[in-house]
Amino acid sequence: MSLAIAEPQIPVTETTIESVLLDADLFVKYSSPEKAFELLRQSLERSPRSIGLREKMRDICVRQKNLNEAAKQCLALVSLYIAREDFDLAYDRLQEAKLLDPRISVAPGLEAIRRARRPDFAVDRDRSPQEVRTDVTFAGSLAYVSIFDAVQVIESAKMTGLLIIKSDLHMGSVSFNEGKIVDAECNGANGHMAFRDIIEINSGTFEFNVSEKEFPIIIAVSSNTNFLLDVLTELDNERAEKQGLRNMGDEMI
């Protein structure tokens, strides 16, 4: 069990990674999680792109309530899964990082996934009904359940958690504290501006997971409904103004 610690100069191969994972499990089994942590830390220094090592480190840190380190591993895994084009797992780890540490911004990760999926080349993508996950608190297709409806369910249940929205062109999230909207992130932006983009998404899927921790308040609302209506009114007014400018231009021509 001590080989990987005693001789850290030995390069980490697939075989030694399996040995490290086994040793880490044994350390945890015999109530020595700190030894498992150190073993994995040293192994990751030599093999930082090992998904197996990082997943094991994440798992042990979550069990030991080392949430900051667990969130750090989740963010590292996001990049590794994107590189493998395993976007669903990248989403999962990004969402988990936000749930573990509400201070984390998921905007860069969401943007990285969006770029990796190359939506500009997805014109001929299959438009058949999308598969919706069943292993989350609340999920559905935006073709049948609108963002408004999802927000109402979360508000009625007074849930604290993260709503992830996925579509071909947009990826975003909305944070809730006891059912109230407190933040949003979409395509590299956050707060009010991000929610303006999210509210107009009408295709794709959504997933909601509860969080034990509340999120920092970036958007302060007294009522979700009023906030939604205010944002829609704001967008409508902007469209009307642009249309008016176009009509004036046509008249001048």
C-alpha atoms as a PDB file:
ATOM      1  CA  MET A   1       0.000   0.000   0.000  1.00  0.00           C
ATOM      2  CA  SER A   2       2.877   2.381   0.694  1.00  0.00           C
ATOM      3  CA  LEU A   3       4.748   1.905  -2.590  1.00  0.00           C
ATOM      4  CA  ALA A   4       3.280   4.957  -4.342  1.00  0.00           C
ATOM      5  CA  ILE A   5       4.147   7.196  -1.361  1.00  0.00           C
ATOM      6  CA  ALA A   6       7.574   5.712  -0.671  1.00  0.00           C
ATOM      7  CA  GLU A   7       8.735   6.004  -4.300  1.00  0.00           C
ATOM      8  CA  PRO A   8       7.029   9.061  -5.827  1.00  0.00           C
ATOM      9  CA  GLN A   9       9.664   9.208  -8.556  1.00  0.00           C
ATOM     10  CA  ILE A  10       8.108   6.192 -10.324  1.00  0.00           C
ATOM     11  CA  PRO A  11       6.094   7.455 -13.331  1.00  0.00           C
ATOM     12  CA  VAL A  12       2.354   6.947 -13.019  1.00  0.00           C
ATOM     13  CA  THR A  13       1.034   4.488 -15.611  1.00  0.00           C
ATOM     14  CA  GLU A  14      -2.417   2.974 -16.040  1.00  0.00           C
ATOM     15  CA  THR A  15      -1.246   0.033 -13.921  1.00  0.00           C
ATOM     16  CA  THR A  16       0.099   2.194 -11.119  1.00  0.00           C
ATOM     17  CA  ILE A  17      -3.026   4.380 -11.231  1.00  0.00           C
ATOM     18  CA  GLU A  18      -5.155   1.299 -10.610  1.00  0.00           C
ATOM     19  CA  SER A  19      -2.847   0.413  -7.718  1.00  0.00           C
ATOM     20  CA  VAL A  20      -3.150   3.929  -6.295  1.00  0.00           C
ATOM     21  CA  LEU A  21      -6.944   3.807  -6.510  1.00  0.00           C
ATOM     22  CA  LEU A  22      -6.985   0.462  -4.728  1.00  0.00           C
ATOM     23  CA  ASP A  23      -4.650   1.735  -2.011  1.00  0.00           C
ATOM     24  CA  ALA A  24      -6.784   4.864  -1.569  1.00  0.00           C
ATOM     25  CA  ASP A  25      -9.882   2.711  -1.089  1.00  0.00           C
ATOM     26  CA  LEU A  26      -8.061   0.614   1.500  1.00  0.00           C
ATOM     27  CA  PHE A  27      -6.900   3.703   3.382  1.00  0.00           C
ATOM     28  CA  VAL A  28     -10.486   4.970   3.519  1.00  0.00           C
ATOM     29  CA  LYS A  29     -11.791   1.554   4.544  1.00  0.00           C
ATOM     30  CA  TYR A  30      -9.379   1.441   7.471  1.00  0.00           C
ATOM     31  CA  SER A  31     -10.206   4.991   8.589  1.00  0.00           C
ATOM     32  CA  SER A  32      -7.147   6.743   7.209  1.00  0.00           C
ATOM     33  CA  PRO A  33      -8.665   9.219   4.724  1.00  0.00           C
ATOM     34  CA  GLU A  34      -5.788  11.663   5.269  1.00  0.00           C
ATOM     35  CA  LYS A  35      -3.362   9.042   3.909  1.00  0.00           C
ATOM     36  CA  ALA A  36      -5.653   8.452   0.937  1.00  0.00           C
ATOM     37  CA  PHE A  37      -5.717  12.213   0.290  1.00  0.00           C
ATOM     38  CA  GLU A  38      -1.921  12.485   0.407  1.00  0.00           C
ATOM     39  CA  LEU A  39      -1.490   9.451  -1.833  1.00  0.00           C
ATOM     40  CA  LEU A  40      -3.847  10.903  -4.419  1.00  0.00           C
ATOM     41  CA  ARG A  41      -2.309  14.373  -4.153  1.00  0.00           C
ATOM     42  CA  GLN A  42       1.163  13.033  -4.902  1.00  0.00           C
ATOM     43  CA  SER A  43      -0.146  10.882  -7.746  1.00  0.00           C
ATOM     44  CA  LEU A  44      -1.968  13.838  -9.299  1.00  0.00           C
ATOM     45  CA  GLU A  45       1.239  15.850  -9.291  1.00  0.00           C
ATOM     46  CA  ARG A  46       2.686  13.225 -11.622  1.00  0.00           C
ATOM     47  CA  SER A  47      -0.490  12.513 -13.592  1.00  0.00           C
ATOM     48  CA  PRO A  48      -2.686  15.643 -13.475  1.00  0.00           C
ATOM     49  CA  ARG A  49      -4.820  14.543 -16.433  1.00  0.00           C
ATOM     50  CA  SER A  50      -5.923  11.266 -14.859  1.00  0.00           C
ATOM     51  CA  ILE A  51      -9.714  11.308 -14.618  1.00  0.00           C
ATOM     52  CA  GLY A  52      -9.667   8.257 -12.372  1.00  0.00           C
ATOM     53  CA  LEU A  53      -7.405   9.909  -9.810  1.00  0.00           C
ATOM     54  CA  ARG A  54      -9.361  13.159  -9.808  1.00  0.00           C
ATOM     55  CA  GLU A  55     -12.714  11.383  -9.506  1.00  0.00           C
ATOM     56  CA  LYS A  56     -11.395   9.403  -6.532  1.00  0.00           C
ATOM     57  CA  MET A  57     -10.029  12.578  -4.935  1.00  0.00           C
ATOM     58  CA  ARG A  58     -13.382  14.301  -5.504  1.00  0.00           C
ATOM     59  CA  ASP A  59     -15.275  11.407  -3.961  1.00  0.00           C
ATOM     60  CA  ILE A  60     -13.065  11.239  -0.864  1.00  0.00           C
ATOM     61  CA  CYS A  61     -13.175  15.013  -0.363  1.00  0.00           C
ATOM     62  CA  VAL A  62     -16.979  15.046  -0.572  1.00  0.00           C
ATOM     63  CA  ARG A  63     -17.191  12.261   2.016  1.00  0.00           C
ATOM     64  CA  GLN A  64     -14.785  14.078   4.326  1.00  0.00           C
ATOM     65  CA  LYS A  65     -16.636  17.403   3.862  1.00  0.00           C
ATOM     66  CA  ASN A  66     -13.565  18.992   2.277  1.00  0.00           C
ATOM     67  CA  LEU A  67     -15.855  20.897  -0.051  1.00  0.00           C
ATOM     68  CA  ASN A  68     -13.346  23.438  -1.371  1.00  0.00           C
ATOM     69  CA  GLU A  69     -10.988  20.724  -2.581  1.00  0.00           C
ATOM     70  CA  ALA A  70     -13.917  18.710  -3.954  1.00  0.00           C
ATOM     71  CA  ALA A  71     -15.075  21.755  -5.941  1.00  0.00           C
ATOM     72  CA  LYS A  72     -11.529  22.270  -7.218  1.00  0.00           C
ATOM     73  CA  GLN A  73     -11.418  18.694  -8.483  1.00  0.00           C
ATOM     74  CA  CYS A  74     -14.811  19.116 -10.137  1.00  0.00           C
ATOM     75  CA  LEU A  75     -13.577  22.126 -12.105  1.00  0.00           C
ATOM     76  CA  ALA A  76     -10.470  20.232 -13.203  1.00  0.00           C
ATOM     77  CA  LEU A  77     -12.683  17.345 -14.312  1.00  0.00           C
ATOM     78  CA  VAL A  78     -14.824  19.711 -16.395  1.00  0.00           C
ATOM     79  CA  SER A  79     -11.819  20.496 -18.605  1.00  0.00           C
ATOM     80  CA  LEU A  80     -10.836  16.838 -18.861  1.00  0.00           C
ATOM     81  CA  TYR A  81     -14.347  15.745 -19.847  1.00  0.00           C
ATOM     82  CA  ILE A  82     -14.620  18.552 -22.406  1.00  0.00           C
ATOM     83  CA  ALA A  83     -11.381  17.317 -23.967  1.00  0.00           C
ATOM     84  CA  ARG A  84     -12.970  13.865 -24.251  1.00  0.00           C
ATOM     85  CA  GLU A  85     -16.180  15.435 -25.651  1.00  0.00           C
ATOM     86  CA  ASP A  86     -18.095  13.888 -22.760  1.00  0.00           C
ATOM     87  CA  PHE A  87     -20.248  16.979 -22.330  1.00  0.00           C
ATOM     88  CA  ASP A  88     -22.897  15.472 -20.051  1.00  0.00           C
ATOM     89  CA  LEU A  89     -20.290  14.588 -17.433  1.00  0.00           C
ATOM     90  CA  ALA A  90     -18.699  18.015 -17.903  1.00  0.00           C
ATOM     91  CA  TYR A  91     -22.103  19.579 -17.115  1.00  0.00           C
ATOM     92  CA  ASP A  92     -22.501  17.335 -14.089  1.00  0.00           C
ATOM     93  CA  ARG A  93     -19.147  18.263 -12.584  1.00  0.00           C
ATOM     94  CA  LEU A  94     -19.656  21.964 -13.324  1.00  0.00           C
ATOM     95  CA  GLN A  95     -23.028  21.926 -11.588  1.00  0.00           C
ATOM     96  CA  GLU A  96     -21.583  19.953  -8.680  1.00  0.00           C
ATOM     97  CA  ALA A  97     -18.764  22.490  -8.269  1.00  0.00           C
ATOM     98  CA  LYS A  98     -21.345  25.292  -7.971  1.00  0.00           C
ATOM     99  CA  LEU A  99     -23.352  23.299  -5.443  1.00  0.00           C
ATOM    100  CA  LEU A 100     -20.241  22.548  -3.382  1.00  0.00           C
ATOM    101  CA  ASP A 101     -19.036  26.156  -3.468  1.00  0.00           C
ATOM    102  CA  PRO A 102     -21.708  28.736  -4.405  1.00  0.00           C
ATOM    103  CA  ARG A 103     -18.999  31.374  -4.886  1.00  0.00           C
ATOM    104  CA  ILE A 104     -17.791  29.615  -8.029  1.00  0.00           C
ATOM    105  CA  SER A 105     -18.823  31.126 -11.359  1.00  0.00           C
ATOM    106  CA  VAL A 106     -19.948  28.499 -13.859  1.00  0.00           C
ATOM    107  CA  ALA A 107     -20.011  30.989 -16.750  1.00  0.00           C
ATOM    108  CA  PRO A 108     -16.482  30.177 -18.042  1.00  0.00           C
ATOM    109  CA  GLY A 109     -17.208  26.456 -17.905  1.00  0.00           C
ATOM    110  CA  LEU A 110     -20.529  26.804 -19.666  1.00  0.00           C
ATOM    111  CA  GLU A 111     -18.904  28.904 -22.377  1.00  0.00           C
ATOM    112  CA  ALA A 112     -16.095  26.340 -22.786  1.00  0.00           C
ATOM    113  CA  ILE A 113     -18.637  23.555 -23.249  1.00  0.00           C
ATOM    114  CA  ARG A 114     -20.623  25.658 -25.723  1.00  0.00           C
ATOM    115  CA  ARG A 115     -17.531  26.324 -27.825  1.00  0.00           C
ATOM    116  CA  ALA A 116     -16.469  22.677 -27.693  1.00  0.00           C
ATOM    117  CA  ARG A 117     -19.835  21.511 -28.972  1.00  0.00           C
ATOM    118  CA  ARG A 118     -19.466  23.782 -32.046  1.00  0.00           C
ATOM    119  CA  PRO A 119     -23.170  24.724 -32.309  1.00  0.00           C
ATOM    120  CA  ASP A 120     -22.543  26.683 -35.521  1.00  0.00           C
ATOM    121  CA  PHE A 121     -22.098  23.335 -37.295  1.00  0.00           C
ATOM    122  CA  ALA A 122     -25.224  21.765 -35.832  1.00  0.00           C
ATOM    123  CA  VAL A 123     -27.719  22.912 -38.468  1.00  0.00           C
ATOM    124  CA  ASP A 124     -28.624  19.338 -39.391  1.00  0.00           C
ATOM    125  CA  ARG A 125     -28.803  18.076 -35.821  1.00  0.00           C
ATOM    126  CA  ASP A 126     -31.529  15.560 -35.060  1.00  0.00           C
ATOM    127  CA  ARG A 127     -34.600  17.420 -33.787  1.00  0.00           C
ATOM    128  CA  SER A 128     -36.334  14.369 -32.319  1.00  0.00           C
ATOM    129  CA  PRO A 129     -37.531  14.559 -28.672  1.00  0.00           C
ATOM    130  CA  GLN A 130     -34.597  15.029 -26.337  1.00  0.00           C
ATOM    131  CA  GLU A 131     -33.748  12.630 -23.556  1.00  0.00           C
ATOM    132  CA  VAL A 132     -34.363  14.120 -20.132  1.00  0.00           C
ATOM    133  CA  ARG A 133     -32.463  12.968 -17.083  1.00  0.00           C
ATOM    134  CA  THR A 134     -34.269  11.323 -14.189  1.00  0.00           C
ATOM    135  CA  ASP A 135     -31.443  11.352 -11.620  1.00  0.00           C
ATOM    136  CA  VAL A 136     -31.884  15.006 -10.671  1.00  0.00           C
ATOM    137  CA  THR A 137     -34.413  16.756  -8.442  1.00  0.00           C
ATOM    138  CA  PHE A 138     -36.440  18.282 -11.269  1.00  0.00           C
ATOM    139  CA  ALA A 139     -35.915  18.109 -15.025  1.00  0.00           C
ATOM    140  CA  GLY A 140     -37.774  18.469 -18.290  1.00  0.00           C
ATOM    141  CA  SER A 141     -37.842  19.579 -21.905  1.00  0.00           C
ATOM    142  CA  LEU A 142     -38.324  23.260 -22.632  1.00  0.00           C
ATOM    143  CA  ALA A 143     -40.524  22.238 -25.562  1.00  0.00           C
ATOM    144  CA  TYR A 144     -43.165  21.240 -22.988  1.00  0.00           C
ATOM    145  CA  VAL A 145     -42.221  23.037 -19.767  1.00  0.00           C
ATOM    146  CA  SER A 146     -41.216  26.701 -20.111  1.00  0.00           C
ATOM    147  CA  ILE A 147     -38.630  28.426 -17.972  1.00  0.00           C
ATOM    148  CA  PHE A 148     -41.525  30.334 -16.388  1.00  0.00           C
ATOM    149  CA  ASP A 149     -43.172  27.088 -15.317  1.00  0.00           C
ATOM    150  CA  ALA A 150     -39.896  25.703 -13.954  1.00  0.00           C
ATOM    151  CA  VAL A 151     -39.313  28.869 -11.942  1.00  0.00           C
ATOM    152  CA  GLN A 152     -42.822  28.683 -10.504  1.00  0.00           C
ATOM    153  CA  VAL A 153     -42.315  25.089  -9.356  1.00  0.00           C
ATOM    154  CA  ILE A 154     -39.028  25.970  -7.672  1.00  0.00           C
ATOM    155  CA  GLU A 155     -40.567  29.046  -6.042  1.00  0.00           C
ATOM    156  CA  SER A 156     -43.640  27.169  -4.804  1.00  0.00           C
ATOM    157  CA  ALA A 157     -41.468  24.485  -3.217  1.00  0.00           C
ATOM    158  CA  LYS A 158     -39.116  27.143  -1.766  1.00  0.00           C
ATOM    159  CA  MET A 159     -36.130  25.158  -3.009  1.00  0.00           C
ATOM    160  CA  THR A 160     -32.505  26.261  -2.849  1.00  0.00           C
ATOM    161  CA  GLY A 161     -30.444  25.025  -5.759  1.00  0.00           C
ATOM    162  CA  LEU A 162     -29.206  25.462  -9.307  1.00  0.00           C
ATOM    163  CA  LEU A 163     -31.267  25.358 -12.503  1.00  0.00           C
ATOM    164  CA  ILE A 164     -29.156  24.427 -15.540  1.00  0.00           C
ATOM    165  CA  ILE A 165     -30.550  25.259 -18.997  1.00  0.00           C
ATOM    166  CA  LYS A 166     -29.097  23.562 -22.084  1.00  0.00           C
ATOM    167  CA  SER A 167     -29.920  24.365 -25.684  1.00  0.00           C
ATOM    168  CA  ASP A 168     -28.081  24.236 -29.006  1.00  0.00           C
ATOM    169  CA  LEU A 169     -27.039  27.877 -28.849  1.00  0.00           C
ATOM    170  CA  HIS A 170     -27.139  28.726 -25.157  1.00  0.00           C
ATOM    171  CA  MET A 171     -26.024  27.256 -21.860  1.00  0.00           C
ATOM    172  CA  GLY A 172     -27.007  28.952 -18.653  1.00  0.00           C
ATOM    173  CA  SER A 173     -27.853  28.585 -15.002  1.00  0.00           C
ATOM    174  CA  VAL A 174     -30.144  30.288 -12.501  1.00  0.00           C
ATOM    175  CA  SER A 175     -29.415  30.166  -8.764  1.00  0.00           C
ATOM    176  CA  PHE A 176     -32.246  30.062  -6.218  1.00  0.00           C
ATOM    177  CA  ASN A 177     -32.350  30.658  -2.457  1.00  0.00           C
ATOM    178  CA  GLU A 178     -35.565  29.302  -0.921  1.00  0.00           C
ATOM    179  CA  GLY A 179     -37.304  29.649  -4.265  1.00  0.00           C
ATOM    180  CA  LYS A 180     -36.122  33.207  -5.011  1.00  0.00           C
ATOM    181  CA  ILE A 181     -33.905  33.992  -7.995  1.00  0.00           C
ATOM    182  CA  VAL A 182     -30.552  35.326  -6.758  1.00  0.00           C
ATOM    183  CA  ASP A 183     -28.208  34.971  -9.750  1.00  0.00           C
ATOM    184  CA  ALA A 184     -27.938  33.865 -13.370  1.00  0.00           C
ATOM    185  CA  GLU A 185     -25.086  32.975 -15.711  1.00  0.00           C
ATOM    186  CA  CYS A 186     -25.195  32.549 -19.472  1.00  0.00           C
ATOM    187  CA  ASN A 187     -22.649  32.681 -22.289  1.00  0.00           C
ATOM    188  CA  GLY A 188     -19.973  34.377 -20.205  1.00  0.00           C
ATOM    189  CA  ALA A 189     -22.247  36.930 -18.508  1.00  0.00           C
ATOM    190  CA  ASN A 190     -23.887  36.829 -15.098  1.00  0.00           C
ATOM    191  CA  GLY A 191     -26.588  38.595 -13.115  1.00  0.00           C
ATOM    192  CA  HIS A 192     -29.349  40.577 -14.796  1.00  0.00           C
ATOM    193  CA  MET A 193     -27.792  40.579 -18.267  1.00  0.00           C
ATOM    194  CA  ALA A 194     -27.397  36.803 -18.218  1.00  0.00           C
ATOM    195  CA  PHE A 195     -31.035  36.317 -17.223  1.00  0.00           C
ATOM    196  CA  ARG A 196     -32.118  38.421 -20.204  1.00  0.00           C
ATOM    197  CA  ASP A 197     -30.569  35.775 -22.468  1.00  0.00           C
ATOM    198  CA  ILE A 198     -31.926  32.844 -20.456  1.00  0.00           C
ATOM    199  CA  ILE A 199     -35.518  34.047 -20.413  1.00  0.00           C
ATOM    200  CA  GLU A 200     -35.707  33.859 -24.217  1.00  0.00           C
ATOM    201  CA  ILE A 201     -34.515  30.250 -24.456  1.00  0.00           C
ATOM    202  CA  ASN A 202     -37.441  28.113 -25.614  1.00  0.00           C
ATOM    203  CA  SER A 203     -35.779  24.867 -26.699  1.00  0.00           C
ATOM    204  CA  GLY A 204     -33.508  22.326 -25.086  1.00  0.00           C
ATOM    205  CA  THR A 205     -33.689  20.894 -21.576  1.00  0.00           C
ATOM    206  CA  PHE A 206     -33.427  22.003 -17.980  1.00  0.00           C
ATOM    207  CA  GLU A 207     -32.189  20.286 -14.822  1.00  0.00           C
ATOM    208  CA  PHE A 208     -32.551  21.391 -11.208  1.00  0.00           C
ATOM    209  CA  ASN A 209     -30.567  20.119  -8.237  1.00  0.00           C
ATOM    210  CA  VAL A 210     -31.011  21.204  -4.634  1.00  0.00           C
ATOM    211  CA  SER A 211     -28.117  22.687  -2.673  1.00  0.00           C
ATOM    212  CA  GLU A 212     -27.422  22.584   1.050  1.00  0.00           C
ATOM    213  CA  LYS A 213     -25.809  26.015   0.820  1.00  0.00           C
ATOM    214  CA  GLU A 214     -27.380  29.285  -0.243  1.00  0.00           C
ATOM    215  CA  PHE A 215     -25.903  31.227  -3.160  1.00  0.00           C
ATOM    216  CA  PRO A 216     -24.518  34.784  -3.061  1.00  0.00           C
ATOM    217  CA  ILE A 217     -27.231  37.297  -3.932  1.00  0.00           C
ATOM    218  CA  ILE A 218     -26.340  39.014  -7.206  1.00  0.00           C
ATOM    219  CA  ILE A 219     -29.927  39.637  -8.292  1.00  0.00           C
ATOM    220  CA  ALA A 220     -32.183  40.925  -5.501  1.00  0.00           C
ATOM    221  CA  VAL A 221     -35.868  40.291  -6.236  1.00  0.00           C
ATOM    222  CA  SER A 222     -38.944  40.584  -4.064  1.00  0.00           C
ATOM    223  CA  SER A 223     -41.001  38.469  -6.475  1.00  0.00           C
ATOM    224  CA  ASN A 224     -39.859  36.105  -9.213  1.00  0.00           C
ATOM    225  CA  THR A 225     -42.981  36.858 -11.234  1.00  0.00           C
ATOM    226  CA  ASN A 226     -42.453  40.609 -11.102  1.00  0.00           C
ATOM    227  CA  PHE A 227     -38.805  40.171 -12.033  1.00  0.00           C
ATOM    228  CA  LEU A 228     -39.709  37.991 -15.012  1.00  0.00           C
ATOM    229  CA  LEU A 229     -42.292  40.488 -16.192  1.00  0.00           C
ATOM    230  CA  ASP A 230     -39.887  43.408 -15.760  1.00  0.00           C
ATOM    231  CA  VAL A 231     -37.234  41.664 -17.845  1.00  0.00           C
ATOM    232  CA  LEU A 232     -39.748  40.796 -20.563  1.00  0.00           C
ATOM    233  CA  THR A 233     -41.045  44.371 -20.619  1.00  0.00           C
ATOM    234  CA  GLU A 234     -37.482  45.645 -20.865  1.00  0.00           C
ATOM    235  CA  LEU A 235     -36.777  43.366 -23.837  1.00  0.00           C
ATOM    236  CA  ASP A 236     -40.060  44.260 -25.549  1.00  0.00           C
ATOM    237  CA  ASN A 237     -39.347  47.975 -25.178  1.00  0.00           C
ATOM    238  CA  GLU A 238     -35.898  47.541 -26.676  1.00  0.00           C
ATOM    239  CA  ARG A 239     -37.330  45.615 -29.631  1.00  0.00           C
ATOM    240  CA  ALA A 240     -40.019  48.236 -30.173  1.00  0.00           C
ATOM    241  CA  GLU A 241     -37.408  50.991 -30.117  1.00  0.00           C
ATOM    242  CA  LYS A 242     -35.240  49.175 -32.648  1.00  0.00           C
ATOM    243  CA  GLN A 243     -38.250  48.520 -34.860  1.00  0.00           C
ATOM    244  CA  GLY A 244     -39.163  52.196 -34.667  1.00  0.00           C
ATOM    245  CA  LEU A 245     -35.664  53.158 -35.740  1.00  0.00           C
ATOM    246  CA  ARG A 246     -35.888  50.781 -38.691  1.00  0.00           C
ATOM    247  CA  ASN A 247     -39.257  52.205 -39.721  1.00  0.00           C
ATOM    248  CA  MET A 248     -37.883  55.761 -39.586  1.00  0.00           C
ATOM    249  CA  GLY A 249     -35.009  54.691 -41.785  1.00  0.00           C
ATOM    250  CA  ASP A 250     -37.408  53.173 -44.304  1.00  0.00           C
ATOM    251  CA  GLU A 251     -39.433  56.396 -44.405  1.00  0.00           C
ATOM    252  CA  MET A 252     -36.307  58.451 -45.027  1.00  0.00           C
ATOM    253  CA  ILE A 253     -35.404  56.170 -47.956  1.00  0.00           C
END
